[in-house]
Amino acid sequence: VQLQASGGGLVQAGGSLRLSCAASGRTFIMGWFRQAPGKEREFVASINTFYGSIYYTDSVKGRFTISRDNAKNTVYLQMNSLKPEDTAVYYCAARQSGALEYGYWGQGTLVTVSS
């Protein structure tokens, strides 16, 4: 499975961006991770593409929304009320049913939030 992330850019604090991640095939769970400069990569959100269950890290709850379009094998991350601390390279990832870890990763898209 290949993943193609897009939608990053420069936005002012309080603004919005929508990231997209297109997969070349159906996957069980798709997620978004991010890595800020000098920090480790962290989990942001995930969605089960079959059952719809969703998880968010606490810092984005109420601001970010993950959604899916199974017909397009695409997952979206709508990011609202962006803060400078959301600045990072965002990666989409996927894992298949039964897998314990994410085995597929996209190339990353940079999100920069200016204060």
N, C-alpha and C. Protein backbone atom coordinates (compact mmCIF):
# COMPACT_ATOMS: atom_id res chain seq x y z
N VAL A 1 0.85 -1.19 0.00
CA VAL A 1 0.00 0.00 0.00
C VAL A 1 0.88 1.23 0.00
N GLN A 2 0.56 2.15 -0.87
CA GLN A 2 1.29 3.42 -0.91
C GLN A 2 0.36 4.53 -0.43
N LEU A 3 0.95 5.46 0.31
CA LEU A 3 0.18 6.56 0.88
C LEU A 3 0.72 7.88 0.35
N GLN A 4 -0.17 8.76 -0.01
CA GLN A 4 0.22 10.07 -0.53
C GLN A 4 -0.49 11.13 0.27
N ALA A 5 0.29 11.87 1.05
CA ALA A 5 -0.27 12.94 1.88
C ALA A 5 -0.14 14.27 1.17
N SER A 6 -1.11 15.13 1.42
CA SER A 6 -1.08 16.46 0.83
C SER A 6 -1.89 17.42 1.70
N GLY A 7 -1.76 18.71 1.41
CA GLY A 7 -2.58 19.70 2.08
C GLY A 7 -1.88 20.58 3.09
N GLY A 8 -0.62 20.33 3.34
CA GLY A 8 0.10 21.18 4.28
C GLY A 8 0.32 22.57 3.73
N GLY A 9 0.80 23.44 4.59
CA GLY A 9 1.07 24.80 4.17
C GLY A 9 1.31 25.72 5.34
N LEU A 10 1.33 27.00 5.05
CA LEU A 10 1.54 28.03 6.05
C LEU A 10 0.21 28.68 6.37
N VAL A 11 -0.09 28.78 7.66
CA VAL A 11 -1.35 29.38 8.08
C VAL A 11 -1.12 30.16 9.37
N GLN A 12 -1.90 31.19 9.57
CA GLN A 12 -1.79 31.97 10.80
C GLN A 12 -2.50 31.24 11.95
N ALA A 13 -2.07 31.53 13.14
CA ALA A 13 -2.72 30.95 14.31
C ALA A 13 -4.21 31.26 14.29
N GLY A 14 -4.99 30.26 14.61
CA GLY A 14 -6.44 30.39 14.55
C GLY A 14 -7.04 29.95 13.24
N GLY A 15 -6.19 29.73 12.26
CA GLY A 15 -6.65 29.33 10.94
C GLY A 15 -6.90 27.84 10.84
N SER A 16 -7.20 27.41 9.60
CA SER A 16 -7.55 26.02 9.35
C SER A 16 -6.80 25.47 8.14
N LEU A 17 -6.60 24.19 8.16
CA LEU A 17 -6.05 23.45 7.03
C LEU A 17 -6.71 22.08 7.00
N ARG A 18 -6.77 21.50 5.81
CA ARG A 18 -7.24 20.13 5.69
C ARG A 18 -6.18 19.30 4.99
N LEU A 19 -5.75 18.26 5.67
CA LEU A 19 -4.80 17.33 5.10
C LEU A 19 -5.56 16.15 4.49
N SER A 20 -4.99 15.62 3.43
CA SER A 20 -5.56 14.45 2.78
C SER A 20 -4.50 13.36 2.69
N CYS A 21 -4.94 12.13 2.77
CA CYS A 21 -4.04 10.99 2.61
C CYS A 21 -4.74 9.98 1.73
N ALA A 22 -4.23 9.80 0.54
CA ALA A 22 -4.80 8.86 -0.41
C ALA A 22 -4.00 7.57 -0.38
N ALA A 23 -4.69 6.46 -0.18
CA ALA A 23 -4.04 5.15 -0.16
C ALA A 23 -4.29 4.43 -1.49
N SER A 24 -3.32 3.62 -1.87
CA SER A 24 -3.45 2.89 -3.13
C SER A 24 -4.37 1.69 -3.00
N GLY A 25 -4.72 1.35 -1.74
CA GLY A 25 -5.63 0.24 -1.51
C GLY A 25 -6.32 0.40 -0.18
N ARG A 26 -7.25 -0.47 0.11
CA ARG A 26 -8.01 -0.38 1.35
C ARG A 26 -7.13 -0.84 2.51
N THR A 27 -7.19 -0.10 3.60
CA THR A 27 -6.46 -0.46 4.80
C THR A 27 -7.42 -0.47 5.97
N PHE A 28 -7.03 -1.10 7.06
CA PHE A 28 -7.91 -1.27 8.19
C PHE A 28 -7.99 -0.03 9.07
N ILE A 29 -6.85 0.47 9.42
CA ILE A 29 -6.78 1.68 10.25
C ILE A 29 -5.83 2.66 9.58
N MET A 30 -6.26 3.90 9.52
CA MET A 30 -5.37 4.95 9.02
C MET A 30 -5.22 6.00 10.09
N GLY A 31 -4.03 6.53 10.17
CA GLY A 31 -3.76 7.50 11.21
C GLY A 31 -2.90 8.64 10.73
N TRP A 32 -2.86 9.65 11.56
CA TRP A 32 -1.99 10.80 11.34
C TRP A 32 -1.03 10.92 12.52
N PHE A 33 0.21 11.16 12.19
CA PHE A 33 1.25 11.42 13.18
C PHE A 33 1.90 12.75 12.81
N ARG A 34 2.64 13.31 13.73
CA ARG A 34 3.38 14.53 13.42
C ARG A 34 4.70 14.55 14.16
N GLN A 35 5.63 15.27 13.58
CA GLN A 35 6.94 15.42 14.19
C GLN A 35 7.35 16.86 14.09
N ALA A 36 7.45 17.50 15.25
CA ALA A 36 7.88 18.88 15.31
C ALA A 36 9.41 18.92 15.36
N PRO A 37 9.99 20.04 14.98
CA PRO A 37 11.46 20.15 15.01
C PRO A 37 12.02 19.83 16.37
N GLY A 38 12.98 18.93 16.41
CA GLY A 38 13.64 18.59 17.65
C GLY A 38 12.84 17.69 18.57
N LYS A 39 11.71 17.21 18.10
CA LYS A 39 10.86 16.36 18.94
C LYS A 39 10.63 15.01 18.27
N GLU A 40 10.18 14.08 19.08
CA GLU A 40 9.86 12.77 18.54
C GLU A 40 8.50 12.80 17.84
N ARG A 41 8.34 11.88 16.95
CA ARG A 41 7.06 11.75 16.26
C ARG A 41 5.98 11.34 17.25
N GLU A 42 4.80 11.95 17.12
CA GLU A 42 3.71 11.65 18.04
C GLU A 42 2.44 11.34 17.27
N PHE A 43 1.61 10.54 17.90
CA PHE A 43 0.31 10.20 17.35
C PHE A 43 -0.62 11.40 17.42
N VAL A 44 -1.42 11.59 16.36
CA VAL A 44 -2.38 12.68 16.35
C VAL A 44 -3.81 12.15 16.35
N ALA A 45 -4.12 11.28 15.40
CA ALA A 45 -5.49 10.78 15.28
C ALA A 45 -5.49 9.53 14.43
N SER A 46 -6.53 8.71 14.63
CA SER A 46 -6.67 7.51 13.80
C SER A 46 -8.14 7.21 13.59
N ILE A 47 -8.40 6.46 12.53
CA ILE A 47 -9.77 6.06 12.23
C ILE A 47 -9.76 4.64 11.69
N ASN A 48 -10.69 3.84 12.16
CA ASN A 48 -10.89 2.50 11.65
C ASN A 48 -11.79 2.64 10.41
N THR A 49 -11.25 2.27 9.26
CA THR A 49 -11.99 2.52 8.02
C THR A 49 -13.17 1.58 7.83
N PHE A 50 -13.23 0.52 8.63
CA PHE A 50 -14.36 -0.40 8.53
C PHE A 50 -15.44 -0.06 9.55
N TYR A 51 -15.06 0.19 10.79
CA TYR A 51 -16.02 0.39 11.85
C TYR A 51 -16.20 1.85 12.26
N GLY A 52 -15.28 2.70 11.82
CA GLY A 52 -15.44 4.13 12.08
C GLY A 52 -14.95 4.62 13.42
N SER A 53 -14.39 3.76 14.24
CA SER A 53 -13.90 4.21 15.54
C SER A 53 -12.74 5.18 15.35
N ILE A 54 -12.75 6.19 16.21
CA ILE A 54 -11.82 7.32 16.06
C ILE A 54 -11.12 7.59 17.38
N TYR A 55 -9.86 7.96 17.29
CA TYR A 55 -9.09 8.34 18.47
C TYR A 55 -8.28 9.60 18.15
N TYR A 56 -8.14 10.43 19.17
CA TYR A 56 -7.35 11.65 19.06
C TYR A 56 -6.40 11.75 20.24
N THR A 57 -5.28 12.38 20.01
CA THR A 57 -4.46 12.75 21.14
C THR A 57 -5.13 13.94 21.83
N ASP A 58 -4.91 14.07 23.11
CA ASP A 58 -5.64 15.08 23.89
C ASP A 58 -5.44 16.50 23.38
N SER A 59 -4.26 16.80 22.90
CA SER A 59 -3.95 18.18 22.52
C SER A 59 -4.72 18.67 21.30
N VAL A 60 -5.33 17.76 20.53
CA VAL A 60 -6.05 18.19 19.33
C VAL A 60 -7.57 17.96 19.45
N LYS A 61 -8.00 17.36 20.53
CA LYS A 61 -9.43 17.09 20.70
C LYS A 61 -10.22 18.40 20.67
N GLY A 62 -11.30 18.40 19.90
CA GLY A 62 -12.12 19.58 19.78
C GLY A 62 -11.65 20.53 18.70
N ARG A 63 -10.46 20.32 18.16
CA ARG A 63 -9.93 21.19 17.10
C ARG A 63 -9.73 20.45 15.79
N PHE A 64 -9.32 19.20 15.86
CA PHE A 64 -9.04 18.40 14.68
C PHE A 64 -10.15 17.36 14.50
N THR A 65 -10.44 17.05 13.24
CA THR A 65 -11.43 16.02 12.93
C THR A 65 -10.87 15.12 11.84
N ILE A 66 -10.85 13.83 12.12
CA ILE A 66 -10.42 12.86 11.13
C ILE A 66 -11.66 12.23 10.51
N SER A 67 -11.60 12.03 9.20
CA SER A 67 -12.73 11.43 8.50
C SER A 67 -12.22 10.60 7.33
N ARG A 68 -13.12 9.84 6.72
CA ARG A 68 -12.67 8.94 5.65
C ARG A 68 -13.67 8.96 4.50
N ASP A 69 -13.15 8.67 3.34
CA ASP A 69 -13.98 8.43 2.15
C ASP A 69 -13.52 7.09 1.61
N ASN A 70 -14.22 6.04 1.97
CA ASN A 70 -13.78 4.69 1.60
C ASN A 70 -13.82 4.47 0.10
N ALA A 71 -14.70 5.16 -0.59
CA ALA A 71 -14.77 5.01 -2.05
C ALA A 71 -13.48 5.48 -2.71
N LYS A 72 -12.81 6.42 -2.05
CA LYS A 72 -11.57 6.96 -2.59
C LYS A 72 -10.35 6.47 -1.83
N ASN A 73 -10.55 5.61 -0.83
CA ASN A 73 -9.44 5.16 0.03
C ASN A 73 -8.64 6.36 0.54
N THR A 74 -9.36 7.36 0.97
CA THR A 74 -8.73 8.60 1.40
C THR A 74 -9.21 8.98 2.80
N VAL A 75 -8.27 9.45 3.59
CA VAL A 75 -8.56 9.93 4.93
C VAL A 75 -8.18 11.40 5.00
N TYR A 76 -8.97 12.14 5.73
CA TYR A 76 -8.76 13.57 5.86
C TYR A 76 -8.50 13.94 7.32
N LEU A 77 -7.77 15.01 7.50
CA LEU A 77 -7.59 15.57 8.83
C LEU A 77 -7.92 17.06 8.73
N GLN A 78 -9.09 17.42 9.21
CA GLN A 78 -9.48 18.82 9.25
C GLN A 78 -8.93 19.44 10.51
N MET A 79 -8.12 20.45 10.36
CA MET A 79 -7.46 21.08 11.50
C MET A 79 -7.96 22.52 11.63
N ASN A 80 -8.63 22.79 12.71
CA ASN A 80 -9.16 24.13 12.98
C ASN A 80 -8.48 24.71 14.21
N SER A 81 -8.63 26.00 14.37
CA SER A 81 -8.06 26.70 15.54
C SER A 81 -6.59 26.33 15.72
N LEU A 82 -5.85 26.37 14.66
CA LEU A 82 -4.46 25.95 14.70
C LEU A 82 -3.64 26.85 15.60
N LYS A 83 -2.67 26.24 16.25
CA LYS A 83 -1.77 26.94 17.17
C LYS A 83 -0.33 26.78 16.67
N PRO A 84 0.53 27.68 17.06
CA PRO A 84 1.93 27.54 16.65
C PRO A 84 2.53 26.19 17.05
N GLU A 85 2.08 25.65 18.15
CA GLU A 85 2.62 24.35 18.59
C GLU A 85 2.13 23.18 17.74
N ASP A 86 1.23 23.44 16.80
CA ASP A 86 0.83 22.40 15.85
C ASP A 86 1.80 22.32 14.68
N THR A 87 2.73 23.23 14.62
CA THR A 87 3.72 23.21 13.55
C THR A 87 4.51 21.92 13.58
N ALA A 88 4.53 21.22 12.45
CA ALA A 88 5.20 19.93 12.38
C ALA A 88 5.09 19.39 10.97
N VAL A 89 5.84 18.35 10.72
CA VAL A 89 5.61 17.54 9.52
C VAL A 89 4.58 16.49 9.90
N TYR A 90 3.52 16.45 9.14
CA TYR A 90 2.44 15.50 9.40
C TYR A 90 2.56 14.31 8.45
N TYR A 91 2.48 13.14 9.02
CA TYR A 91 2.58 11.90 8.26
C TYR A 91 1.28 11.11 8.38
N CYS A 92 0.85 10.56 7.28
CA CYS A 92 -0.24 9.60 7.38
C CYS A 92 0.37 8.20 7.39
N ALA A 93 -0.34 7.31 8.03
CA ALA A 93 0.13 5.94 8.17
C ALA A 93 -1.07 5.01 8.14
N ALA A 94 -0.78 3.76 7.88
CA ALA A 94 -1.86 2.78 7.80
C ALA A 94 -1.38 1.44 8.33
N ARG A 95 -2.34 0.69 8.86
CA ARG A 95 -2.01 -0.68 9.24
C ARG A 95 -3.19 -1.58 8.91
N GLN A 96 -2.86 -2.81 8.65
CA GLN A 96 -3.88 -3.77 8.27
C GLN A 96 -4.44 -4.47 9.49
N SER A 97 -5.53 -5.14 9.32
CA SER A 97 -6.16 -5.86 10.41
C SER A 97 -5.20 -6.87 11.01
N GLY A 98 -5.09 -6.88 12.32
CA GLY A 98 -4.22 -7.81 13.01
C GLY A 98 -2.81 -7.31 13.21
N ALA A 99 -2.44 -6.26 12.52
CA ALA A 99 -1.10 -5.71 12.67
C ALA A 99 -1.02 -4.89 13.94
N LEU A 100 0.09 -5.01 14.65
CA LEU A 100 0.26 -4.27 15.90
C LEU A 100 0.82 -2.88 15.67
N GLU A 101 1.47 -2.70 14.57
CA GLU A 101 2.09 -1.42 14.28
C GLU A 101 1.67 -0.94 12.89
N TYR A 102 1.87 0.37 12.69
CA TYR A 102 1.63 0.94 11.37
C TYR A 102 2.76 0.51 10.43
N GLY A 103 2.39 -0.15 9.36
CA GLY A 103 3.40 -0.68 8.46
C GLY A 103 3.58 0.12 7.18
N TYR A 104 2.70 1.08 6.97
CA TYR A 104 2.76 1.90 5.77
C TYR A 104 2.77 3.37 6.16
N TRP A 105 3.66 4.12 5.51
CA TRP A 105 3.82 5.53 5.85
C TRP A 105 3.86 6.37 4.58
N GLY A 106 3.24 7.54 4.66
CA GLY A 106 3.32 8.51 3.58
C GLY A 106 4.58 9.35 3.73
N GLN A 107 4.76 10.27 2.81
CA GLN A 107 6.00 11.02 2.75
C GLN A 107 6.03 12.23 3.67
N GLY A 108 4.91 12.61 4.25
CA GLY A 108 4.90 13.77 5.15
C GLY A 108 4.55 15.05 4.42
N THR A 109 3.82 15.89 5.12
CA THR A 109 3.48 17.21 4.59
C THR A 109 3.67 18.24 5.71
N LEU A 110 4.30 19.35 5.39
CA LEU A 110 4.67 20.32 6.41
C LEU A 110 3.53 21.28 6.69
N VAL A 111 3.23 21.42 7.96
CA VAL A 111 2.26 22.40 8.43
C VAL A 111 2.98 23.41 9.29
N THR A 112 2.90 24.67 8.93
CA THR A 112 3.54 25.73 9.68
C THR A 112 2.48 26.72 10.12
N VAL A 113 2.40 26.93 11.43
CA VAL A 113 1.42 27.86 11.99
C VAL A 113 2.17 29.05 12.57
N SER A 114 1.93 30.20 12.02
CA SER A 114 2.62 31.41 12.48
C SER A 114 1.80 32.10 13.56
N SER A 115 2.52 32.73 14.48
CA SER A 115 1.84 33.41 15.59
C SER A 115 1.49 34.84 15.24
